[in-house]
C-alpha cells in the first residue's frame, strides 16, 4: 500500500494540483480505513475488500460521533484512491463505487450582518499599533474581497496593486483570479505598509504581505483565527466567528445588494454555481424573518 500511496500522493499533487492540506487529509483517511479493515480480518487487502467492509467503516465512523459532513470527505478519499488504482490496473474491482455518503442536513452558512460589519469598520477603533493597523487591513480585506483564509495568508506584497486597486489571488488548484479593491481597503493596505516599514525587522519574510511584528515572518492560520475572532466578538455574540464567516458575509452582502450570482461565483473562486447558490438560501431566510416580523398577517 505504501508504494501505491506514494503514487497516489504524486497524482494528487502534480496532476490534480491539490493543496498540501488536502493531500495530508486524503492520506490520513486512507490509513484510517486500512487500520479499520485490518482490525476486521488481518488477511484483508485493498484487492479483497468488499462493499460491505466500506459500508461498515462508514457506519462505525457515524457511531463514533462523526457527523455526515465529517464522514463524507473520508469516504471520498477512499473512492478517489480506488478510482486511481483502477485506472492504473492495480485493482480489478472498486468496492467503494456503490457506497453512498451519508446524507447531510442543510446547514446555512454563518455570516455577520451588514450593520454589524459597518459598526466594526466605521465606529469601533482598532489599536493604533502595528498589530491594530495590520488586523484592520486583514479584516477589511476578508470582508470586501471574500478571500479564503489560506489565500490571505499566502498573499505576497507583489500580489497587491494599490495603484490599480487590484489584488491577485491564487486559489484552490492554483487557479488565479483578480479581485478589485475598494478605496477603503487600498487605504488600509497603504497605512499598513507604512507602519510595517518602520516597525518590522528587514530580516523577516520580505515577500509576504501580512507578517508578525517580532519575527517579520508570514502570519499563520492561528494568528488569523485569533484576530478575526477577537474583532468579530466586538459586534456579534454568535459562536462562529472564523475567517470563513467573513467570506460568507461578503457573499451574502453582495447578493443582498443586487449582485448577480455568476459575478459572486467568479469573485469567490468557486468551481460550480451550485456552491455559490447556497447564499441565495441565506438571503431568502433573512427575507422570511423580515417578512414574519413586519407583515401584520404573518
Protein backbone atom coordinates (compact mmCIF):
# COMPACT_ATOMS: atom_id res chain seq x y z
CA UNK A 1 0.00 0.00 0.00
CA UNK A 2 2.91 2.35 0.74
CA UNK A 3 4.07 2.31 -2.90
CA UNK A 4 0.51 2.80 -4.15
CA UNK A 5 0.01 5.62 -1.68
CA UNK A 6 3.17 7.38 -2.88
CA UNK A 7 1.93 7.19 -6.48
CA UNK A 8 -1.47 8.49 -5.39
CA UNK A 9 0.09 11.40 -3.49
CA UNK A 10 2.14 12.37 -6.54
CA UNK A 11 -1.03 12.20 -8.65
CA UNK A 12 -2.91 14.46 -6.23
CA UNK A 13 -0.09 16.98 -6.03
CA UNK A 14 1.11 17.22 -9.59
CA UNK A 15 -1.83 16.16 -11.75
CA UNK A 16 -4.76 17.33 -9.66
CA UNK A 17 -2.94 20.30 -8.09
CA UNK A 18 -4.48 19.61 -4.68
CA UNK A 19 -3.25 21.64 -1.71
CA UNK A 20 -0.90 20.05 0.81
CA UNK A 21 -3.66 20.13 3.45
CA UNK A 22 -5.96 18.15 1.15
CA UNK A 23 -3.23 15.62 0.36
CA UNK A 24 -2.50 15.09 4.06
CA UNK A 25 -6.22 14.68 4.76
CA UNK A 26 -6.58 12.06 1.99
CA UNK A 27 -3.61 10.05 3.22
CA UNK A 28 -4.90 10.17 6.80
CA UNK A 29 -8.29 8.84 5.70
CA UNK A 30 -6.71 6.00 3.71
CA UNK A 31 -4.55 4.94 6.62
CA UNK A 32 -7.54 5.09 8.99
CA UNK A 33 -9.53 2.88 6.61
CA UNK A 34 -6.63 0.43 6.33
CA UNK A 35 -6.43 0.16 10.12
CA UNK A 36 -10.17 -0.48 10.23
CA UNK A 37 -10.28 -3.31 7.72
CA UNK A 38 -7.15 -4.94 9.18
CA UNK A 39 -8.91 -4.93 12.56
CA UNK A 40 -11.75 -6.92 10.98
CA UNK A 41 -9.52 -9.51 9.35
CA UNK A 42 -5.74 -9.28 9.13
CA UNK A 43 -5.65 -11.04 5.74
CA UNK A 44 -7.82 -8.41 4.03
CA UNK A 45 -6.12 -6.29 1.35
CA UNK A 46 -7.16 -3.43 -0.91
CA UNK A 47 -7.77 -6.08 -3.56
CA UNK A 48 -10.05 -8.29 -1.43
CA UNK A 49 -12.21 -5.69 0.32
CA UNK A 50 -15.93 -5.79 -0.41
CA UNK A 51 -18.54 -3.04 -0.42
CA UNK A 52 -19.82 -4.37 2.92
CA UNK A 53 -16.47 -3.54 4.52
CA UNK A 54 -16.63 0.02 3.23
CA UNK A 55 -20.22 0.41 4.45
CA UNK A 56 -19.24 -0.98 7.87
CA UNK A 57 -16.49 1.63 8.10
CA UNK A 58 -18.96 4.41 7.30
CA UNK A 59 -21.35 3.13 9.98
CA UNK A 60 -18.51 2.87 12.50
CA UNK A 61 -17.47 6.47 11.82
CA UNK A 62 -21.04 7.68 12.33
CA UNK A 63 -21.41 5.67 15.52
CA UNK A 64 -18.16 7.19 16.83
CA UNK A 65 -19.84 10.62 16.75
CA UNK A 66 -18.71 11.98 13.38
CA UNK A 67 -21.34 13.96 11.50
CA UNK A 68 -22.22 13.15 7.88
CA UNK A 69 -20.15 16.18 6.89
CA UNK A 70 -17.16 14.66 8.69
CA UNK A 71 -17.63 11.21 7.19
CA UNK A 72 -18.13 12.29 3.57
CA UNK A 73 -14.57 13.54 2.89
CA UNK A 74 -13.12 10.36 4.39
CA UNK A 75 -15.27 8.19 2.13
CA UNK A 76 -14.42 10.47 -0.79
CA UNK A 77 -10.70 9.85 -0.20
CA UNK A 78 -11.23 6.07 -0.37
CA UNK A 79 -13.36 6.40 -3.52
CA UNK A 80 -10.71 8.57 -5.18
CA UNK A 81 -7.98 6.11 -4.25
CA UNK A 82 -9.87 3.19 -5.77
CA UNK A 83 -10.60 5.12 -8.98
CA UNK A 84 -6.86 5.82 -9.21
CA UNK A 85 -5.98 2.16 -8.61
CA UNK A 86 -8.48 1.02 -11.24
CA UNK A 87 -7.06 3.36 -13.87
CA UNK A 88 -3.57 2.05 -13.11
CA UNK A 89 -4.76 -1.55 -13.29
CA UNK A 90 -3.68 -2.22 -9.73
CA UNK A 91 -7.09 -3.50 -8.62
CA UNK A 92 -9.84 -5.20 -10.59
CA UNK A 93 -12.91 -4.04 -8.62
CA UNK A 94 -13.87 -0.80 -6.85
CA UNK A 95 -15.78 -1.84 -3.69
CA UNK A 96 -16.45 1.80 -2.76
CA UNK A 97 -18.27 2.56 -6.02
CA UNK A 98 -21.77 1.68 -4.80
CA UNK A 99 -21.36 3.08 -1.28
CA UNK A 100 -23.23 6.34 -0.83
CA UNK A 101 -22.11 9.06 1.54
CA UNK A 102 -24.46 9.71 4.47
CA UNK A 103 -26.98 12.44 3.79
CA UNK A 104 -26.17 15.83 5.21
CA UNK A 105 -28.69 18.15 6.78
CA UNK A 106 -28.86 21.52 5.04
CA UNK A 107 -26.80 23.93 7.10
CA UNK A 108 -26.88 27.56 6.10
CA UNK A 109 -23.56 29.41 6.40
CA UNK A 110 -22.98 31.74 9.33
CA UNK A 111 -22.49 35.39 8.45
CA UNK A 112 -22.30 38.78 10.16
CA UNK A 113 -24.99 41.31 9.32
CA UNK A 114 -24.04 44.34 7.26
CA UNK A 115 -24.92 46.78 10.01
CA UNK A 116 -22.62 44.95 12.44
CA UNK A 117 -19.74 44.94 9.95
CA UNK A 118 -20.34 48.66 9.33
CA UNK A 119 -20.16 49.26 13.07
CA UNK A 120 -16.92 47.27 13.33
CA UNK A 121 -15.18 49.03 10.44
CA UNK A 122 -16.67 52.53 10.83
CA UNK A 123 -17.41 53.10 14.52
CA UNK A 124 -15.09 50.84 16.50
CA UNK A 125 -11.41 51.68 16.53
CA UNK A 126 -8.56 49.20 16.13
CA UNK A 127 -5.49 49.96 18.30
CA UNK A 128 -3.01 52.43 16.81
CA UNK A 129 -0.29 49.78 16.93
CA UNK A 130 1.34 47.66 14.26
CA UNK A 131 -0.96 44.75 15.10
CA UNK A 132 -4.03 47.01 15.15
CA UNK A 133 -3.28 48.51 11.73
CA UNK A 134 -2.47 45.09 10.26
CA UNK A 135 -5.54 43.45 11.75
CA UNK A 136 -7.84 46.17 10.42
CA UNK A 137 -6.37 45.69 6.94
CA UNK A 138 -6.88 41.92 7.19
CA UNK A 139 -10.50 42.14 8.40
CA UNK A 140 -11.29 44.74 5.74
CA UNK A 141 -9.73 42.56 3.04
CA UNK A 142 -11.59 39.44 4.13
CA UNK A 143 -14.93 41.25 4.20
CA UNK A 144 -14.54 43.26 1.00
CA UNK A 145 -12.95 40.58 -1.20
CA UNK A 146 -14.39 37.30 0.10
CA UNK A 147 -10.96 35.66 0.07
CA UNK A 148 -10.29 32.36 1.80
CA UNK A 149 -8.10 32.24 4.91
CA UNK A 150 -5.34 30.37 3.05
CA UNK A 151 -5.43 32.94 0.25
CA UNK A 152 -4.99 35.83 2.69
CA UNK A 153 -2.11 34.08 4.44
CA UNK A 154 -0.42 33.27 1.12
CA UNK A 155 -0.55 36.81 -0.26
CA UNK A 156 2.73 38.42 -1.24
CA UNK A 157 3.39 42.15 -1.41
CA UNK A 158 3.67 41.83 -5.20
CA UNK A 159 0.11 40.45 -5.38
CA UNK A 160 -1.38 43.78 -4.31
CA UNK A 161 -1.57 46.56 -6.91
CA UNK A 162 -2.72 49.63 -4.96
CA UNK A 163 -2.34 51.90 -7.98
CA UNK A 164 -4.93 49.93 -9.96
CA UNK A 165 -6.86 48.74 -6.88
CA UNK A 166 -6.49 45.04 -7.72
CA UNK A 167 -5.34 42.02 -5.73
CA UNK A 168 -4.15 38.88 -7.49
CA UNK A 169 -5.20 35.69 -5.68
CA UNK A 170 -4.03 32.11 -6.15
CA UNK A 171 -6.93 29.91 -5.07
CA UNK A 172 -7.64 26.21 -4.98
CA UNK A 173 -5.83 24.05 -7.54
CA UNK A 174 -3.51 27.01 -8.26
CA UNK A 175 -6.21 28.93 -10.11
CA UNK A 176 -5.55 32.64 -10.26
CA UNK A 177 -8.22 35.34 -10.12
CA UNK A 178 -8.20 39.12 -9.88
CA UNK A 179 -10.35 40.87 -7.28
CA UNK A 180 -10.99 44.63 -7.21
CA UNK A 181 -10.17 46.51 -4.01
CA UNK A 182 -12.48 49.18 -2.63
CA UNK A 183 -10.85 52.56 -1.76
CA UNK A 184 -11.18 51.78 1.96
CA UNK A 185 -9.10 48.63 1.55
CA UNK A 186 -6.47 50.42 -0.53
CA UNK A 187 -6.09 53.00 2.27
CA UNK A 188 -5.79 50.25 4.88
CA UNK A 189 -3.07 48.47 2.88
CA UNK A 190 -1.12 51.69 2.32
CA UNK A 191 -1.26 52.56 6.02
CA UNK A 192 -0.21 49.03 6.93
CA UNK A 193 2.77 49.08 4.57
CA UNK A 194 3.93 52.40 6.04
CA UNK A 195 3.91 51.12 9.61
CA UNK A 196 5.41 47.82 8.52
CA UNK A 197 8.45 49.58 7.00
CA UNK A 198 9.04 51.36 10.32
CA UNK A 199 8.40 48.59 12.83
CA UNK A 200 9.08 45.17 11.27
CA UNK A 201 12.68 43.85 11.03
CA UNK A 202 14.02 43.71 7.49
CA UNK A 203 15.42 40.24 8.22
CA UNK A 204 11.92 38.76 8.02
CA UNK A 205 9.92 37.50 5.06
CA UNK A 206 10.10 40.46 2.68
CA UNK A 207 7.82 38.80 0.12
CA UNK A 208 4.91 38.04 2.47
CA UNK A 209 2.21 40.68 2.76
CA UNK A 210 0.90 40.05 6.28
CA UNK A 211 3.62 39.25 8.81
CA UNK A 212 4.24 39.01 12.55
CA UNK A 213 5.87 42.05 14.10
CA UNK A 214 8.73 40.50 16.06
CA UNK A 215 9.92 37.93 13.54
CA UNK A 216 8.75 39.55 10.33
CA UNK A 217 7.58 36.09 9.21
CA UNK A 218 4.32 35.34 7.40
CA UNK A 219 1.30 35.03 9.70
CA UNK A 220 -0.14 31.58 10.37
CA UNK A 221 -3.75 30.42 10.44
CA UNK A 222 -3.76 30.51 14.26
CA UNK A 223 -2.86 34.24 14.10
CA UNK A 224 -5.61 34.89 11.59
CA UNK A 225 -8.23 32.93 13.52
CA UNK A 226 -7.41 34.71 16.80
CA UNK A 227 -7.51 38.23 15.39
CA UNK A 228 -10.75 37.66 13.45
CA UNK A 229 -12.46 36.05 16.42
CA UNK A 230 -11.47 38.99 18.62
CA UNK A 231 -12.61 41.59 16.09
CA UNK A 232 -16.00 39.95 15.41
CA UNK A 233 -16.51 39.45 19.14
CA UNK A 234 -16.96 43.22 19.40
CA UNK A 235 -20.10 43.18 17.27
CA UNK A 236 -21.66 39.69 17.47
CA UNK A 237 -22.23 37.03 20.09
CA UNK A 238 -22.56 34.16 17.60
CA UNK A 239 -20.30 31.18 18.28
CA UNK A 240 -18.93 31.01 14.73
CA UNK A 241 -16.50 33.90 14.32
CA UNK A 242 -13.90 32.44 11.96
CA UNK A 243 -12.24 33.96 8.87
CA UNK A 244 -14.62 31.90 6.74
CA UNK A 245 -17.58 33.71 8.34
CA UNK A 246 -16.28 36.91 6.74
CA UNK A 247 -16.18 35.15 3.36
CA UNK A 248 -19.82 34.16 3.91
CA UNK A 249 -20.61 37.72 4.99
CA UNK A 250 -19.05 39.10 1.79
CA UNK A 251 -21.13 36.82 -0.44
CA UNK A 252 -24.35 37.47 1.46
CA UNK A 253 -23.85 41.24 1.37
CA UNK A 254 -23.12 41.17 -2.36
CA UNK A 255 -26.31 39.23 -3.13
CA UNK A 256 -28.37 41.36 -0.75
CA UNK A 257 -27.24 44.39 -2.74
CA UNK A 258 -28.26 43.03 -6.14
CA UNK A 259 -25.02 41.41 -7.33
CA UNK A 260 -25.68 38.60 -9.81
CA UNK A 261 -24.82 35.05 -8.83
CA UNK A 262 -22.30 34.50 -11.64
CA UNK A 263 -20.26 37.55 -10.60
CA UNK A 264 -20.19 36.45 -6.97
CA UNK A 265 -19.10 32.97 -8.12
CA UNK A 266 -16.14 34.47 -10.02
CA UNK A 267 -15.11 36.67 -7.08
CA UNK A 268 -15.23 33.76 -4.65
CA UNK A 269 -13.35 31.44 -6.99
CA UNK A 270 -16.00 28.72 -6.87
CA UNK A 271 -15.85 25.89 -9.41
CA UNK A 272 -19.62 25.47 -9.57
CA UNK A 273 -22.54 27.88 -9.45
CA UNK A 274 -24.27 25.40 -7.14
CA UNK A 275 -21.69 26.16 -4.45
CA UNK A 276 -22.43 29.87 -4.67
CA UNK A 277 -26.19 29.31 -4.73
CA UNK A 278 -26.24 28.39 -1.04
CA UNK A 279 -26.01 32.11 -0.30
CA UNK A 280 -29.33 32.70 -2.06
CA UNK A 281 -30.86 30.41 0.56
CA UNK A 282 -29.25 32.51 3.26
CA UNK A 283 -30.67 35.75 1.88
CA UNK A 284 -34.09 34.13 1.47
CA UNK A 285 -34.06 33.00 5.10
CA UNK A 286 -33.33 36.59 6.13
CA UNK A 287 -36.16 37.77 3.90
CA UNK A 288 -38.56 35.35 5.57
CA UNK A 289 -37.55 36.61 9.02
CA UNK A 290 -38.16 40.21 7.98
CA UNK A 291 -41.50 39.24 6.46
CA UNK A 292 -42.62 37.46 9.63
CA UNK A 293 -41.59 40.43 11.75
CA UNK A 294 -43.10 43.12 9.55
CA UNK A 295 -46.25 41.77 7.92
CA UNK A 296 -49.37 42.25 10.08
CA UNK A 297 -50.82 38.90 8.98
CA UNK A 298 -47.60 36.92 9.40
